[in-house]
Amino acid sequence: MKKIFIYILLTFFINNSLLSNETSCKKFDLKCKTKKFIKETKDYQNKGIDKSKEQLIKTKDKVLEGVKKK
């Protein structure tokens, strides 16, 4: 009986901690959904910008290495 009780408590705490990071909006809450959409879009674009910067730096280094070899 104690094992079942402990298992239920552990399951509850694990699921509760995972759900705390999510922002849930109600079905017709446009303000909340808009804020969430804008935040996700900004995060996605920032990731893209960071990848682009890394790619430009790598390409620049390759070009400079090619020029130095000649």
C-alpha atoms as a PDB file:
ATOM      1  CA  MET A   1       0.000   0.000   0.000  1.00  0.00           C
ATOM      2  CA  LYS A   2       2.842   2.370   0.852  1.00  0.00           C
ATOM      3  CA  LYS A   3       4.527   1.625  -2.486  1.00  0.00           C
ATOM      4  CA  ILE A   4       1.400   2.546  -4.399  1.00  0.00           C
ATOM      5  CA  PHE A   5       1.019   5.779  -2.435  1.00  0.00           C
ATOM      6  CA  ILE A   6       4.660   6.742  -3.023  1.00  0.00           C
ATOM      7  CA  TYR A   7       4.352   5.905  -6.716  1.00  0.00           C
ATOM      8  CA  ILE A   8       1.271   8.116  -7.043  1.00  0.00           C
ATOM      9  CA  LEU A   9       3.009  11.003  -5.267  1.00  0.00           C
ATOM     10  CA  LEU A  10       6.118  10.716  -7.434  1.00  0.00           C
ATOM     11  CA  THR A  11       4.034  10.614 -10.589  1.00  0.00           C
ATOM     12  CA  PHE A  12       2.070  13.667  -9.515  1.00  0.00           C
ATOM     13  CA  PHE A  13       5.186  15.717  -8.701  1.00  0.00           C
ATOM     14  CA  ILE A  14       6.966  14.765 -11.916  1.00  0.00           C
ATOM     15  CA  ASN A  15       3.957  15.669 -14.068  1.00  0.00           C
ATOM     16  CA  ASN A  16       3.322  18.855 -12.134  1.00  0.00           C
ATOM     17  CA  SER A  17       6.892  20.103 -12.620  1.00  0.00           C
ATOM     18  CA  LEU A  18       6.767  19.400 -16.344  1.00  0.00           C
ATOM     19  CA  LEU A  19       3.554  21.331 -16.826  1.00  0.00           C
ATOM     20  CA  SER A  20       4.694  24.373 -14.882  1.00  0.00           C
ATOM     21  CA  ASN A  21       6.941  25.558 -17.750  1.00  0.00           C
ATOM     22  CA  GLU A  22       4.130  25.674 -20.282  1.00  0.00           C
ATOM     23  CA  THR A  23       1.948  28.709 -20.755  1.00  0.00           C
ATOM     24  CA  SER A  24      -1.567  27.549 -21.402  1.00  0.00           C
ATOM     25  CA  CYS A  25      -4.189  29.880 -22.773  1.00  0.00           C
ATOM     26  CA  LYS A  26      -7.922  29.470 -22.600  1.00  0.00           C
ATOM     27  CA  LYS A  27      -9.802  28.618 -25.750  1.00  0.00           C
ATOM     28  CA  PHE A  28     -10.915  32.141 -26.672  1.00  0.00           C
ATOM     29  CA  ASP A  29      -8.223  34.176 -24.889  1.00  0.00           C
ATOM     30  CA  LEU A  30      -6.824  36.092 -27.863  1.00  0.00           C
ATOM     31  CA  LYS A  31      -4.534  38.318 -25.811  1.00  0.00           C
ATOM     32  CA  CYS A  32      -2.756  35.350 -24.259  1.00  0.00           C
ATOM     33  CA  LYS A  33      -2.526  33.447 -27.547  1.00  0.00           C
ATOM     34  CA  THR A  34      -1.145  36.511 -29.332  1.00  0.00           C
ATOM     35  CA  LYS A  35       1.538  37.055 -26.696  1.00  0.00           C
ATOM     36  CA  LYS A  36       2.498  33.389 -26.820  1.00  0.00           C
ATOM     37  CA  PHE A  37       2.674  33.437 -30.638  1.00  0.00           C
ATOM     38  CA  ILE A  38       4.826  36.578 -30.661  1.00  0.00           C
ATOM     39  CA  LYS A  39       7.185  35.134 -28.044  1.00  0.00           C
ATOM     40  CA  GLU A  40       7.589  31.871 -29.959  1.00  0.00           C
ATOM     41  CA  THR A  41       8.179  33.762 -33.216  1.00  0.00           C
ATOM     42  CA  LYS A  42      10.856  35.975 -31.642  1.00  0.00           C
ATOM     43  CA  ASP A  43      12.611  32.958 -30.141  1.00  0.00           C
ATOM     44  CA  TYR A  44      12.568  31.159 -33.496  1.00  0.00           C
ATOM     45  CA  GLN A  45      13.929  34.206 -35.323  1.00  0.00           C
ATOM     46  CA  ASN A  46      16.691  34.713 -32.738  1.00  0.00           C
ATOM     47  CA  LYS A  47      17.795  31.121 -33.222  1.00  0.00           C
ATOM     48  CA  GLY A  48      17.881  31.701 -36.979  1.00  0.00           C
ATOM     49  CA  ILE A  49      19.926  34.869 -36.575  1.00  0.00           C
ATOM     50  CA  ASP A  50      22.439  33.083 -34.359  1.00  0.00           C
ATOM     51  CA  LYS A  51      22.825  30.273 -36.901  1.00  0.00           C
ATOM     52  CA  SER A  52      23.273  32.800 -39.711  1.00  0.00           C
ATOM     53  CA  LYS A  53      25.966  34.657 -37.778  1.00  0.00           C
ATOM     54  CA  GLU A  54      27.847  31.404 -37.158  1.00  0.00           C
ATOM     55  CA  GLN A  55      27.616  30.483 -40.832  1.00  0.00           C
ATOM     56  CA  LEU A  56      28.920  33.909 -41.918  1.00  0.00           C
ATOM     57  CA  ILE A  57      31.859  33.691 -39.516  1.00  0.00           C
ATOM     58  CA  LYS A  58      32.772  30.206 -40.747  1.00  0.00           C
ATOM     59  CA  THR A  59      32.523  31.284 -44.390  1.00  0.00           C
ATOM     60  CA  LYS A  60      34.608  34.383 -43.721  1.00  0.00           C
ATOM     61  CA  ASP A  61      37.298  32.269 -42.058  1.00  0.00           C
ATOM     62  CA  LYS A  62      37.352  29.827 -44.995  1.00  0.00           C
ATOM     63  CA  VAL A  63      37.692  32.670 -47.497  1.00  0.00           C
ATOM     64  CA  LEU A  64      40.513  34.277 -45.536  1.00  0.00           C
ATOM     65  CA  GLU A  65      42.326  30.921 -45.276  1.00  0.00           C
ATOM     66  CA  GLY A  66      41.997  30.484 -49.053  1.00  0.00           C
ATOM     67  CA  VAL A  67      43.434  33.947 -49.686  1.00  0.00           C
ATOM     68  CA  LYS A  68      46.368  33.344 -47.329  1.00  0.00           C
ATOM     69  CA  LYS A  69      47.310  30.055 -49.053  1.00  0.00           C
ATOM     70  CA  LYS A  70      47.790  31.774 -52.414  1.00  0.00           C
END
